[in-house]
Protein backbone atom coordinates (compact mmCIF):
# COMPACT_ATOMS: atom_id res chain seq x y z
CA MET A 1 -14.50 -11.52 4.61
CA GLY A 2 -12.53 -8.69 5.24
CA GLU A 3 -11.13 -5.86 2.87
CA ASN A 4 -7.96 -4.15 2.62
CA VAL A 5 -6.56 -1.80 -0.16
CA ILE A 6 -3.15 -1.92 -1.24
CA ILE A 7 -1.65 0.50 -2.65
CA ILE A 8 1.03 0.75 -5.42
CA PHE A 9 3.15 4.16 -6.01
CA LEU A 10 4.49 3.99 -9.44
CA LYS A 11 7.02 6.30 -11.10
CA LEU A 12 9.48 5.22 -14.00
CA ASN A 13 9.31 1.61 -13.87
CA LYS A 14 10.35 1.71 -10.05
CA ILE A 15 7.42 1.21 -7.01
CA VAL A 16 7.96 1.70 -3.18
CA ILE A 17 8.13 -0.76 -1.15
CA GLU A 18 7.67 -1.17 2.44
CA GLN A 19 10.41 -2.79 4.85
CA ARG A 20 8.47 -3.17 7.56
CA LEU A 21 9.76 -3.35 11.19
CA THR A 22 9.89 -6.70 12.76
CA LYS A 23 10.09 -7.79 16.41
CA SER A 24 14.09 -8.15 15.66
CA GLY A 25 14.01 -4.56 15.30
CA ALA A 26 15.22 -4.70 11.48
CA PHE A 27 13.58 -3.67 8.67
CA ASP A 28 12.81 -7.35 7.05
CA LEU A 29 9.11 -7.66 6.12
CA MET A 30 8.88 -6.58 2.70
CA LEU A 31 5.33 -5.48 1.70
CA LEU A 32 3.58 -2.96 -0.24
CA PRO A 33 1.73 0.13 1.55
CA GLY A 34 -2.01 -0.59 2.30
CA GLY A 35 -3.97 -1.47 4.80
CA GLY A 36 -7.33 -2.65 6.45
CA ILE A 37 -10.91 -1.03 5.36
CA GLU A 38 -12.62 0.28 8.48
CA GLU A 39 -16.43 0.95 8.80
CA PHE A 40 -16.05 4.60 8.47
CA ASP A 41 -14.47 4.47 5.02
CA HIS A 42 -18.12 3.52 3.89
CA THR A 43 -19.53 6.98 3.36
CA ASP A 44 -21.51 8.26 0.54
CA ALA A 45 -19.26 10.96 -0.94
CA GLU A 46 -17.09 8.20 -2.94
CA ASP A 47 -16.51 4.39 -3.38
CA TYR A 48 -15.29 2.89 0.37
CA ARG A 49 -12.16 1.55 -1.22
CA ILE A 50 -10.90 4.93 -2.67
CA THR A 51 -11.89 6.40 0.64
CA ALA A 52 -10.00 3.46 2.72
CA MET A 53 -6.87 4.34 -0.18
CA LYS A 54 -6.55 8.14 0.53
CA ARG A 55 -7.10 7.45 4.44
CA GLU A 56 -4.17 4.61 4.63
CA ILE A 57 -2.02 7.19 2.55
CA ARG A 58 -2.31 9.70 5.14
CA GLU A 59 -1.99 7.29 7.94
CA GLU A 60 0.85 5.78 6.71
CA LEU A 61 2.72 8.47 4.73
CA GLY A 62 1.77 11.18 6.25
CA GLU A 63 -0.92 14.49 5.48
CA HIS A 64 1.83 15.97 2.81
CA ILE A 65 0.97 13.43 0.22
CA THR A 66 -1.94 14.27 -2.09
CA VAL A 67 -3.21 11.72 -4.53
CA LYS A 68 -3.86 13.36 -7.76
CA GLY A 69 -4.14 10.41 -10.36
CA TYR A 70 -4.76 6.51 -9.73
CA THR A 71 -5.76 3.45 -11.78
CA PHE A 72 -7.95 0.60 -10.11
CA LEU A 73 -5.88 -2.81 -10.78
CA THR A 74 -7.74 -5.44 -9.47
CA THR A 75 -9.59 -7.24 -6.72
CA ALA A 76 -7.53 -10.08 -5.42
CA GLU A 77 -8.91 -12.62 -3.09
CA SER A 78 -6.86 -14.47 -0.35
CA SER A 79 -8.87 -17.81 0.88
CA GLU A 80 -5.54 -18.42 3.28
CA GLN A 81 -6.24 -14.82 4.70
CA LEU A 82 -10.09 -14.79 4.34
CA ARG A 83 -9.49 -11.26 2.74
CA MET A 84 -10.24 -9.50 -0.38
CA PHE A 85 -7.25 -6.88 -1.26
CA HIS A 86 -8.56 -3.87 -3.78
CA CYS A 87 -5.52 -2.51 -5.57
CA TYR A 88 -4.68 0.76 -6.98
CA ILE A 89 -1.52 2.03 -8.53
CA VAL A 90 -0.82 6.04 -7.77
CA HIS A 91 0.84 7.41 -10.81
CA ASP A 92 0.45 10.92 -9.78
CA TRP A 93 0.75 12.99 -6.60
CA ALA A 94 2.04 15.76 -5.11
CA GLY A 95 4.53 15.86 -2.33
CA GLU A 96 7.36 13.42 -1.63
CA ILE A 97 7.19 9.93 -0.67
CA PRO A 98 8.87 9.97 2.86
CA GLU A 99 11.52 7.90 3.96
CA TYR A 100 9.76 6.25 6.76
CA GLY A 101 6.18 4.85 6.83
CA LEU A 102 4.30 5.14 10.06
CA GLU A 103 1.45 3.07 12.22
CA ASP A 104 -0.03 5.14 14.78
CA GLY A 105 2.09 7.99 14.25
CA LYS A 106 5.22 5.90 15.17
CA THR A 107 7.92 4.68 12.42
CA ASN A 108 7.45 0.72 11.46
CA ALA A 109 8.66 0.47 8.19
CA LYS A 110 11.55 2.22 5.88
CA LEU A 111 10.18 2.96 2.57
CA VAL A 112 12.15 2.28 -0.63
CA TRP A 113 11.99 2.82 -4.51
CA MET A 114 12.37 -0.48 -6.26
CA GLU A 115 12.21 -1.84 -9.74
CA ILE A 116 9.17 -3.82 -10.40
CA GLU A 117 11.13 -6.64 -11.24
CA GLU A 118 13.16 -6.77 -7.76
CA ALA A 119 9.98 -6.06 -6.34
CA PHE A 120 8.31 -9.11 -7.68
CA LEU A 121 11.02 -11.11 -6.15
CA VAL A 122 11.26 -9.95 -2.40
CA VAL A 123 7.31 -9.02 -1.53
CA HIS A 124 6.34 -10.93 1.38
CA ASN A 125 3.35 -12.68 0.33
CA ASP A 126 1.74 -14.01 -2.90
CA ILE A 127 -1.06 -11.55 -3.12
CA ALA A 128 1.68 -8.92 -3.12
CA ARG A 129 3.62 -10.94 -5.74
CA THR A 130 0.47 -11.27 -7.84
CA LEU A 131 -0.14 -7.70 -7.81
CA VAL A 132 3.15 -6.49 -8.61
CA GLY A 133 3.44 -9.23 -11.29
CA ARG A 134 0.36 -7.34 -13.14
């Protein structure tokens, strides 16, 4: 079973949502930031899930975001996707959340701050909806 990290940036009852660029060229798909845990995330330095969370933030939001405070929320399992999702709430960071997210150095998402209640209604999948609801 594969593993992912999901990151919820939380500030004043709002969270960051990725509006992913779809094949139609529109920012339609609403997701939480995150991604797959890689083999190289397994180091002796710290918990591999935390290593993966920090790496995903650097890859998707850029080098200018530094995590200063976070809380592990939960691990959710999707038998449909055959994946485990480790969710962290990032509540303290240095730097500004950019307007756009990256994948392999290219813009792939618009990053928007959204009220938690609104985000619950628009996120794309059940796992993300469950995590936002918590």
